[in-house]
Amino acid sequence: IAGSGGSTSYAKSMKGRFTISRDN
C-alpha cells in the first residue's frame, strides 16, 4: 500500500481474499 493509502497491489494468489489498508 502506498504512503497515502491511495494505491494498493496484491500477489495473484491473495487478490480477492486479502485486503491491505492503513490508518496514518
mmCIF file of all heavy atoms, coordinates in Angstrom:
data_MODEL
# 
_entry.id   MODEL 
# 
loop_
_atom_site.group_PDB 
_atom_site.id 
_atom_site.type_symbol 
_atom_site.label_atom_id 
_atom_site.label_alt_id 
_atom_site.label_comp_id 
_atom_site.label_asym_id 
_atom_site.label_entity_id 
_atom_site.label_seq_id 
_atom_site.pdbx_PDB_ins_code 
_atom_site.Cartn_x 
_atom_site.Cartn_y 
_atom_site.Cartn_z 
_atom_site.occupancy 
_atom_site.B_iso_or_equiv 
_atom_site.pdbx_formal_charge 
_atom_site.auth_seq_id 
_atom_site.auth_comp_id 
_atom_site.auth_asym_id 
_atom_site.auth_atom_id 
_atom_site.pdbx_PDB_model_num 
ATOM 1   N N   . ILE A 1 1  ? 0.841   -1.179  0.000   1.00 0.00 ? 1  ILE A N   1 
ATOM 2   C CA  . ILE A 1 1  ? 0.000   0.000   0.000   1.00 0.00 ? 1  ILE A CA  1 
ATOM 3   C C   . ILE A 1 1  ? 0.885   1.240   0.000   1.00 0.00 ? 1  ILE A C   1 
ATOM 4   O O   . ILE A 1 1  ? 1.896   1.300   0.709   1.00 0.00 ? 1  ILE A O   1 
ATOM 5   C CB  . ILE A 1 1  ? -0.987  -0.008  1.199   1.00 0.00 ? 1  ILE A CB  1 
ATOM 6   C CG1 . ILE A 1 1  ? -2.002  1.134   1.092   1.00 0.00 ? 1  ILE A CG1 1 
ATOM 7   C CG2 . ILE A 1 1  ? -0.254  0.027   2.536   1.00 0.00 ? 1  ILE A CG2 1 
ATOM 8   C CD1 . ILE A 1 1  ? -3.180  0.972   2.051   1.00 0.00 ? 1  ILE A CD1 1 
ATOM 9   N N   . ALA A 1 2  ? 0.499   2.236   -0.789  1.00 0.00 ? 2  ALA A N   1 
ATOM 10  C CA  . ALA A 1 2  ? 1.251   3.476   -0.868  1.00 0.00 ? 2  ALA A CA  1 
ATOM 11  C C   . ALA A 1 2  ? 1.146   4.271   0.440   1.00 0.00 ? 2  ALA A C   1 
ATOM 12  O O   . ALA A 1 2  ? 0.253   4.027   1.252   1.00 0.00 ? 2  ALA A O   1 
ATOM 13  C CB  . ALA A 1 2  ? 0.726   4.314   -2.024  1.00 0.00 ? 2  ALA A CB  1 
ATOM 14  N N   . GLY A 1 3  ? 2.050   5.229   0.606   1.00 0.00 ? 3  GLY A N   1 
ATOM 15  C CA  . GLY A 1 3  ? 2.068   6.034   1.811   1.00 0.00 ? 3  GLY A CA  1 
ATOM 16  C C   . GLY A 1 3  ? 0.756   6.760   2.086   1.00 0.00 ? 3  GLY A C   1 
ATOM 17  O O   . GLY A 1 3  ? 0.324   6.892   3.234   1.00 0.00 ? 3  GLY A O   1 
ATOM 18  N N   . SER A 1 4  ? 0.114   7.218   1.035   1.00 0.00 ? 4  SER A N   1 
ATOM 19  C CA  . SER A 1 4  ? -1.164  7.915   1.164   1.00 0.00 ? 4  SER A CA  1 
ATOM 20  C C   . SER A 1 4  ? -2.330  6.962   1.355   1.00 0.00 ? 4  SER A C   1 
ATOM 21  O O   . SER A 1 4  ? -3.426  7.387   1.726   1.00 0.00 ? 4  SER A O   1 
ATOM 22  C CB  . SER A 1 4  ? -1.416  8.740   -0.097  1.00 0.00 ? 4  SER A CB  1 
ATOM 23  O OG  . SER A 1 4  ? -1.577  7.873   -1.211  1.00 0.00 ? 4  SER A OG  1 
ATOM 24  N N   . GLY A 1 5  ? -2.099  5.688   1.056   1.00 0.00 ? 5  GLY A N   1 
ATOM 25  C CA  . GLY A 1 5  ? -3.181  4.711   1.084   1.00 0.00 ? 5  GLY A CA  1 
ATOM 26  C C   . GLY A 1 5  ? -3.997  4.680   -0.189  1.00 0.00 ? 5  GLY A C   1 
ATOM 27  O O   . GLY A 1 5  ? -4.930  3.895   -0.310  1.00 0.00 ? 5  GLY A O   1 
ATOM 28  N N   . GLY A 1 6  ? -3.633  5.501   -1.158  1.00 0.00 ? 6  GLY A N   1 
ATOM 29  C CA  . GLY A 1 6  ? -4.423  5.628   -2.368  1.00 0.00 ? 6  GLY A CA  1 
ATOM 30  C C   . GLY A 1 6  ? -4.179  4.580   -3.427  1.00 0.00 ? 6  GLY A C   1 
ATOM 31  O O   . GLY A 1 6  ? -4.894  4.516   -4.427  1.00 0.00 ? 6  GLY A O   1 
ATOM 32  N N   . SER A 1 7  ? -3.165  3.745   -3.235  1.00 0.00 ? 7  SER A N   1 
ATOM 33  C CA  . SER A 1 7  ? -2.850  2.710   -4.206  1.00 0.00 ? 7  SER A CA  1 
ATOM 34  C C   . SER A 1 7  ? -2.463  1.434   -3.483  1.00 0.00 ? 7  SER A C   1 
ATOM 35  O O   . SER A 1 7  ? -1.771  1.480   -2.466  1.00 0.00 ? 7  SER A O   1 
ATOM 36  C CB  . SER A 1 7  ? -1.710  3.168   -5.110  1.00 0.00 ? 7  SER A CB  1 
ATOM 37  O OG  . SER A 1 7  ? -1.403  2.210   -6.079  1.00 0.00 ? 7  SER A OG  1 
ATOM 38  N N   . THR A 1 8  ? -2.922  0.311   -3.998  1.00 0.00 ? 8  THR A N   1 
ATOM 39  C CA  . THR A 1 8  ? -2.604  -0.984  -3.409  1.00 0.00 ? 8  THR A CA  1 
ATOM 40  C C   . THR A 1 8  ? -2.231  -1.974  -4.511  1.00 0.00 ? 8  THR A C   1 
ATOM 41  O O   . THR A 1 8  ? -2.556  -1.775  -5.682  1.00 0.00 ? 8  THR A O   1 
ATOM 42  C CB  . THR A 1 8  ? -3.780  -1.564  -2.609  1.00 0.00 ? 8  THR A CB  1 
ATOM 43  O OG1 . THR A 1 8  ? -4.919  -1.708  -3.476  1.00 0.00 ? 8  THR A OG1 1 
ATOM 44  C CG2 . THR A 1 8  ? -4.154  -0.668  -1.429  1.00 0.00 ? 8  THR A CG2 1 
ATOM 45  N N   . SER A 1 9  ? -1.562  -3.041  -4.098  1.00 0.00 ? 9  SER A N   1 
ATOM 46  C CA  . SER A 1 9  ? -1.210  -4.109  -5.019  1.00 0.00 ? 9  SER A CA  1 
ATOM 47  C C   . SER A 1 9  ? -1.174  -5.413  -4.241  1.00 0.00 ? 9  SER A C   1 
ATOM 48  O O   . SER A 1 9  ? -0.822  -5.419  -3.061  1.00 0.00 ? 9  SER A O   1 
ATOM 49  C CB  . SER A 1 9  ? 0.144   -3.826  -5.673  1.00 0.00 ? 9  SER A CB  1 
ATOM 50  O OG  . SER A 1 9  ? 0.479   -4.826  -6.607  1.00 0.00 ? 9  SER A OG  1 
ATOM 51  N N   . TYR A 1 10 ? -1.533  -6.520  -4.923  1.00 0.00 ? 10 TYR A N   1 
ATOM 52  C CA  . TYR A 1 10 ? -1.614  -7.817  -4.252  1.00 0.00 ? 10 TYR A CA  1 
ATOM 53  C C   . TYR A 1 10 ? -0.931  -8.897  -5.076  1.00 0.00 ? 10 TYR A C   1 
ATOM 54  O O   . TYR A 1 10 ? -0.905  -8.834  -6.309  1.00 0.00 ? 10 TYR A O   1 
ATOM 55  C CB  . TYR A 1 10 ? -3.075  -8.217  -4.056  1.00 0.00 ? 10 TYR A CB  1 
ATOM 56  C CG  . TYR A 1 10 ? -3.852  -7.291  -3.163  1.00 0.00 ? 10 TYR A CG  1 
ATOM 57  C CD1 . TYR A 1 10 ? -4.530  -6.206  -3.684  1.00 0.00 ? 10 TYR A CD1 1 
ATOM 58  C CD2 . TYR A 1 10 ? -3.892  -7.503  -1.785  1.00 0.00 ? 10 TYR A CD2 1 
ATOM 59  C CE1 . TYR A 1 10 ? -5.228  -5.338  -2.864  1.00 0.00 ? 10 TYR A CE1 1 
ATOM 60  C CE2 . TYR A 1 10 ? -4.598  -6.649  -0.953  1.00 0.00 ? 10 TYR A CE2 1 
ATOM 61  C CZ  . TYR A 1 10 ? -5.265  -5.559  -1.502  1.00 0.00 ? 10 TYR A CZ  1 
ATOM 62  O OH  . TYR A 1 10 ? -5.964  -4.706  -0.677  1.00 0.00 ? 10 TYR A OH  1 
ATOM 63  N N   . ALA A 1 11 ? -0.435  -9.884  -4.378  1.00 0.00 ? 11 ALA A N   1 
ATOM 64  C CA  . ALA A 1 11 ? 0.017   -11.084 -5.054  1.00 0.00 ? 11 ALA A CA  1 
ATOM 65  C C   . ALA A 1 11 ? -1.200  -11.774 -5.664  1.00 0.00 ? 11 ALA A C   1 
ATOM 66  O O   . ALA A 1 11 ? -2.308  -11.712 -5.109  1.00 0.00 ? 11 ALA A O   1 
ATOM 67  C CB  . ALA A 1 11 ? 0.714   -12.022 -4.070  1.00 0.00 ? 11 ALA A CB  1 
ATOM 68  N N   . LYS A 1 12 ? -0.982  -12.434 -6.776  1.00 0.00 ? 12 LYS A N   1 
ATOM 69  C CA  . LYS A 1 12 ? -2.085  -13.038 -7.514  1.00 0.00 ? 12 LYS A CA  1 
ATOM 70  C C   . LYS A 1 12 ? -2.893  -14.005 -6.656  1.00 0.00 ? 12 LYS A C   1 
ATOM 71  O O   . LYS A 1 12 ? -4.130  -14.020 -6.698  1.00 0.00 ? 12 LYS A O   1 
ATOM 72  C CB  . LYS A 1 12 ? -1.528  -13.754 -8.748  1.00 0.00 ? 12 LYS A CB  1 
ATOM 73  C CG  . LYS A 1 12 ? -2.580  -14.193 -9.747  1.00 0.00 ? 12 LYS A CG  1 
ATOM 74  C CD  . LYS A 1 12 ? -1.914  -14.767 -10.991 1.00 0.00 ? 12 LYS A CD  1 
ATOM 75  C CE  . LYS A 1 12 ? -2.947  -15.159 -12.036 1.00 0.00 ? 12 LYS A CE  1 
ATOM 76  N NZ  . LYS A 1 12 ? -2.310  -15.717 -13.260 1.00 0.00 ? 12 LYS A NZ  1 
ATOM 77  N N   . SER A 1 13 ? -2.210  -14.806 -5.846  1.00 0.00 ? 13 SER A N   1 
ATOM 78  C CA  . SER A 1 13 ? -2.899  -15.840 -5.072  1.00 0.00 ? 13 SER A CA  1 
ATOM 79  C C   . SER A 1 13 ? -3.715  -15.263 -3.923  1.00 0.00 ? 13 SER A C   1 
ATOM 80  O O   . SER A 1 13 ? -4.532  -15.964 -3.325  1.00 0.00 ? 13 SER A O   1 
ATOM 81  C CB  . SER A 1 13 ? -1.883  -16.842 -4.520  1.00 0.00 ? 13 SER A CB  1 
ATOM 82  O OG  . SER A 1 13 ? -0.988  -16.201 -3.635  1.00 0.00 ? 13 SER A OG  1 
ATOM 83  N N   . MET A 1 14 ? -3.511  -14.004 -3.602  1.00 0.00 ? 14 MET A N   1 
ATOM 84  C CA  . MET A 1 14 ? -4.184  -13.392 -2.464  1.00 0.00 ? 14 MET A CA  1 
ATOM 85  C C   . MET A 1 14 ? -5.211  -12.346 -2.878  1.00 0.00 ? 14 MET A C   1 
ATOM 86  O O   . MET A 1 14 ? -6.047  -11.952 -2.056  1.00 0.00 ? 14 MET A O   1 
ATOM 87  C CB  . MET A 1 14 ? -3.155  -12.775 -1.542  1.00 0.00 ? 14 MET A CB  1 
ATOM 88  C CG  . MET A 1 14 ? -2.207  -13.829 -0.978  1.00 0.00 ? 14 MET A CG  1 
ATOM 89  S SD  . MET A 1 14 ? -0.664  -13.160 -0.398  1.00 0.00 ? 14 MET A SD  1 
ATOM 90  C CE  . MET A 1 14 ? 0.461   -14.486 -0.786  1.00 0.00 ? 14 MET A CE  1 
ATOM 91  N N   . LYS A 1 15 ? -5.164  -11.928 -4.118  1.00 0.00 ? 15 LYS A N   1 
ATOM 92  C CA  . LYS A 1 15 ? -6.089  -10.907 -4.592  1.00 0.00 ? 15 LYS A CA  1 
ATOM 93  C C   . LYS A 1 15 ? -7.514  -11.426 -4.492  1.00 0.00 ? 15 LYS A C   1 
ATOM 94  O O   . LYS A 1 15 ? -7.811  -12.553 -4.880  1.00 0.00 ? 15 LYS A O   1 
ATOM 95  C CB  . LYS A 1 15 ? -5.760  -10.523 -6.031  1.00 0.00 ? 15 LYS A CB  1 
ATOM 96  C CG  . LYS A 1 15 ? -6.419  -9.247  -6.484  1.00 0.00 ? 15 LYS A CG  1 
ATOM 97  C CD  . LYS A 1 15 ? -5.852  -8.788  -7.801  1.00 0.00 ? 15 LYS A CD  1 
ATOM 98  C CE  . LYS A 1 15 ? -6.430  -7.431  -8.195  1.00 0.00 ? 15 LYS A CE  1 
ATOM 99  N NZ  . LYS A 1 15 ? -5.868  -6.936  -9.470  1.00 0.00 ? 15 LYS A NZ  1 
ATOM 100 N N   . GLY A 1 16 ? -8.395  -10.606 -3.936  1.00 0.00 ? 16 GLY A N   1 
ATOM 101 C CA  . GLY A 1 16 ? -9.787  -11.000 -3.755  1.00 0.00 ? 16 GLY A CA  1 
ATOM 102 C C   . GLY A 1 16 ? -10.064 -11.634 -2.403  1.00 0.00 ? 16 GLY A C   1 
ATOM 103 O O   . GLY A 1 16 ? -11.220 -11.724 -1.985  1.00 0.00 ? 16 GLY A O   1 
ATOM 104 N N   . ARG A 1 17 ? -9.020  -12.087 -1.717  1.00 0.00 ? 17 ARG A N   1 
ATOM 105 C CA  . ARG A 1 17 ? -9.188  -12.676 -0.388  1.00 0.00 ? 17 ARG A CA  1 
ATOM 106 C C   . ARG A 1 17 ? -8.571  -11.798 0.700   1.00 0.00 ? 17 ARG A C   1 
ATOM 107 O O   . ARG A 1 17 ? -9.066  -11.776 1.825   1.00 0.00 ? 17 ARG A O   1 
ATOM 108 C CB  . ARG A 1 17 ? -8.541  -14.065 -0.323  1.00 0.00 ? 17 ARG A CB  1 
ATOM 109 C CG  . ARG A 1 17 ? -9.107  -15.077 -1.289  1.00 0.00 ? 17 ARG A CG  1 
ATOM 110 C CD  . ARG A 1 17 ? -8.574  -16.475 -0.999  1.00 0.00 ? 17 ARG A CD  1 
ATOM 111 N NE  . ARG A 1 17 ? -7.116  -16.543 -1.116  1.00 0.00 ? 17 ARG A NE  1 
ATOM 112 C CZ  . ARG A 1 17 ? -6.316  -16.959 -0.133  1.00 0.00 ? 17 ARG A CZ  1 
ATOM 113 N NH1 . ARG A 1 17 ? -6.815  -17.321 1.032   1.00 0.00 ? 17 ARG A NH1 1 
ATOM 114 N NH2 . ARG A 1 17 ? -5.001  -17.023 -0.342  1.00 0.00 ? 17 ARG A NH2 1 
ATOM 115 N N   . PHE A 1 18 ? -7.469  -11.116 0.374   1.00 0.00 ? 18 PHE A N   1 
ATOM 116 C CA  . PHE A 1 18 ? -6.768  -10.270 1.330   1.00 0.00 ? 18 PHE A CA  1 
ATOM 117 C C   . PHE A 1 18 ? -7.006  -8.803  0.977   1.00 0.00 ? 18 PHE A C   1 
ATOM 118 O O   . PHE A 1 18 ? -7.092  -8.436  -0.197  1.00 0.00 ? 18 PHE A O   1 
ATOM 119 C CB  . PHE A 1 18 ? -5.261  -10.537 1.291   1.00 0.00 ? 18 PHE A CB  1 
ATOM 120 C CG  . PHE A 1 18 ? -4.835  -11.878 1.842   1.00 0.00 ? 18 PHE A CG  1 
ATOM 121 C CD1 . PHE A 1 18 ? -5.752  -12.870 2.154   1.00 0.00 ? 18 PHE A CD1 1 
ATOM 122 C CD2 . PHE A 1 18 ? -3.491  -12.145 2.046   1.00 0.00 ? 18 PHE A CD2 1 
ATOM 123 C CE1 . PHE A 1 18 ? -5.355  -14.102 2.654   1.00 0.00 ? 18 PHE A CE1 1 
ATOM 124 C CE2 . PHE A 1 18 ? -3.081  -13.374 2.553   1.00 0.00 ? 18 PHE A CE2 1 
ATOM 125 C CZ  . PHE A 1 18 ? -4.006  -14.350 2.851   1.00 0.00 ? 18 PHE A CZ  1 
ATOM 126 N N   . THR A 1 19 ? -7.083  -7.966  2.016   1.00 0.00 ? 19 THR A N   1 
ATOM 127 C CA  . THR A 1 19 ? -7.234  -6.527  1.818   1.00 0.00 ? 19 THR A CA  1 
ATOM 128 C C   . THR A 1 19 ? -6.259  -5.792  2.715   1.00 0.00 ? 19 THR A C   1 
ATOM 129 O O   . THR A 1 19 ? -6.279  -5.977  3.946   1.00 0.00 ? 19 THR A O   1 
ATOM 130 C CB  . THR A 1 19 ? -8.661  -6.061  2.137   1.00 0.00 ? 19 THR A CB  1 
ATOM 131 O OG1 . THR A 1 19 ? -9.598  -6.792  1.335   1.00 0.00 ? 19 THR A OG1 1 
ATOM 132 C CG2 . THR A 1 19 ? -8.820  -4.573  1.852   1.00 0.00 ? 19 THR A CG2 1 
ATOM 133 N N   . ILE A 1 20 ? -5.408  -4.970  2.114   1.00 0.00 ? 20 ILE A N   1 
ATOM 134 C CA  . ILE A 1 20 ? -4.466  -4.164  2.882   1.00 0.00 ? 20 ILE A CA  1 
ATOM 135 C C   . ILE A 1 20 ? -5.050  -2.762  3.030   1.00 0.00 ? 20 ILE A C   1 
ATOM 136 O O   . ILE A 1 20 ? -5.667  -2.224  2.100   1.00 0.00 ? 20 ILE A O   1 
ATOM 137 C CB  . ILE A 1 20 ? -3.075  -4.121  2.206   1.00 0.00 ? 20 ILE A CB  1 
ATOM 138 C CG1 . ILE A 1 20 ? -2.039  -3.479  3.130   1.00 0.00 ? 20 ILE A CG1 1 
ATOM 139 C CG2 . ILE A 1 20 ? -3.127  -3.459  0.839   1.00 0.00 ? 20 ILE A CG2 1 
ATOM 140 C CD1 . ILE A 1 20 ? -0.601  -3.613  2.622   1.00 0.00 ? 20 ILE A CD1 1 
ATOM 141 N N   . SER A 1 21 ? -4.875  -2.184  4.209   1.00 0.00 ? 21 SER A N   1 
ATOM 142 C CA  . SER A 1 21 ? -5.340  -0.825  4.459   1.00 0.00 ? 21 SER A CA  1 
ATOM 143 C C   . SER A 1 21 ? -4.413  -0.191  5.481   1.00 0.00 ? 21 SER A C   1 
ATOM 144 O O   . SER A 1 21 ? -3.593  -0.872  6.105   1.00 0.00 ? 21 SER A O   1 
ATOM 145 C CB  . SER A 1 21 ? -6.786  -0.826  4.957   1.00 0.00 ? 21 SER A CB  1 
ATOM 146 O OG  . SER A 1 21 ? -6.894  -1.520  6.184   1.00 0.00 ? 21 SER A OG  1 
ATOM 147 N N   . ARG A 1 22 ? -4.546  1.107   5.659   1.00 0.00 ? 22 ARG A N   1 
ATOM 148 C CA  . ARG A 1 22 ? -3.714  1.796   6.641   1.00 0.00 ? 22 ARG A CA  1 
ATOM 149 C C   . ARG A 1 22 ? -4.486  2.951   7.245   1.00 0.00 ? 22 ARG A C   1 
ATOM 150 O O   . ARG A 1 22 ? -5.381  3.525   6.608   1.00 0.00 ? 22 ARG A O   1 
ATOM 151 C CB  . ARG A 1 22 ? -2.413  2.280   6.011   1.00 0.00 ? 22 ARG A CB  1 
ATOM 152 C CG  . ARG A 1 22 ? -2.556  3.346   4.947   1.00 0.00 ? 22 ARG A CG  1 
ATOM 153 C CD  . ARG A 1 22 ? -1.228  3.558   4.207   1.00 0.00 ? 22 ARG A CD  1 
ATOM 154 N NE  . ARG A 1 22 ? -0.195  4.107   5.086   1.00 0.00 ? 22 ARG A NE  1 
ATOM 155 C CZ  . ARG A 1 22 ? 1.108   4.026   4.828   1.00 0.00 ? 22 ARG A CZ  1 
ATOM 156 N NH1 . ARG A 1 22 ? 1.531   3.424   3.719   1.00 0.00 ? 22 ARG A NH1 1 
ATOM 157 N NH2 . ARG A 1 22 ? 1.984   4.570   5.656   1.00 0.00 ? 22 ARG A NH2 1 
ATOM 158 N N   . ASP A 1 23 ? -4.122  3.261   8.486   1.00 0.00 ? 23 ASP A N   1 
ATOM 159 C CA  . ASP A 1 23 ? -4.652  4.415   9.190   1.00 0.00 ? 23 ASP A CA  1 
ATOM 160 C C   . ASP A 1 23 ? -3.450  5.259   9.576   1.00 0.00 ? 23 ASP A C   1 
ATOM 161 O O   . ASP A 1 23 ? -2.764  4.946   10.551  1.00 0.00 ? 23 ASP A O   1 
ATOM 162 C CB  . ASP A 1 23 ? -5.453  3.968   10.419  1.00 0.00 ? 23 ASP A CB  1 
ATOM 163 C CG  . ASP A 1 23 ? -6.116  5.124   11.140  1.00 0.00 ? 23 ASP A CG  1 
ATOM 164 O OD1 . ASP A 1 23 ? -5.654  6.268   11.004  1.00 0.00 ? 23 ASP A OD1 1 
ATOM 165 O OD2 . ASP A 1 23 ? -7.094  4.871   11.858  1.00 0.00 ? 23 ASP A OD2 1 
ATOM 166 N N   . ASN A 1 24 ? -3.172  6.291   8.810   1.00 0.00 ? 24 ASN A N   1 
ATOM 167 C CA  . ASN A 1 24 ? -1.968  7.088   9.058   1.00 0.00 ? 24 ASN A CA  1 
ATOM 168 C C   . ASN A 1 24 ? -2.049  7.848   10.378  1.00 0.00 ? 24 ASN A C   1 
ATOM 169 O O   . ASN A 1 24 ? -1.018  8.120   10.988  1.00 0.00 ? 24 ASN A O   1 
ATOM 170 C CB  . ASN A 1 24 ? -1.711  8.030   7.897   1.00 0.00 ? 24 ASN A CB  1 
ATOM 171 C CG  . ASN A 1 24 ? -1.149  7.299   6.676   1.00 0.00 ? 24 ASN A CG  1 
ATOM 172 O OD1 . ASN A 1 24 ? -0.693  6.155   6.781   1.00 0.00 ? 24 ASN A OD1 1 
ATOM 173 N ND2 . ASN A 1 24 ? -1.193  7.941   5.528   1.00 0.00 ? 24 ASN A ND2 1 
# 
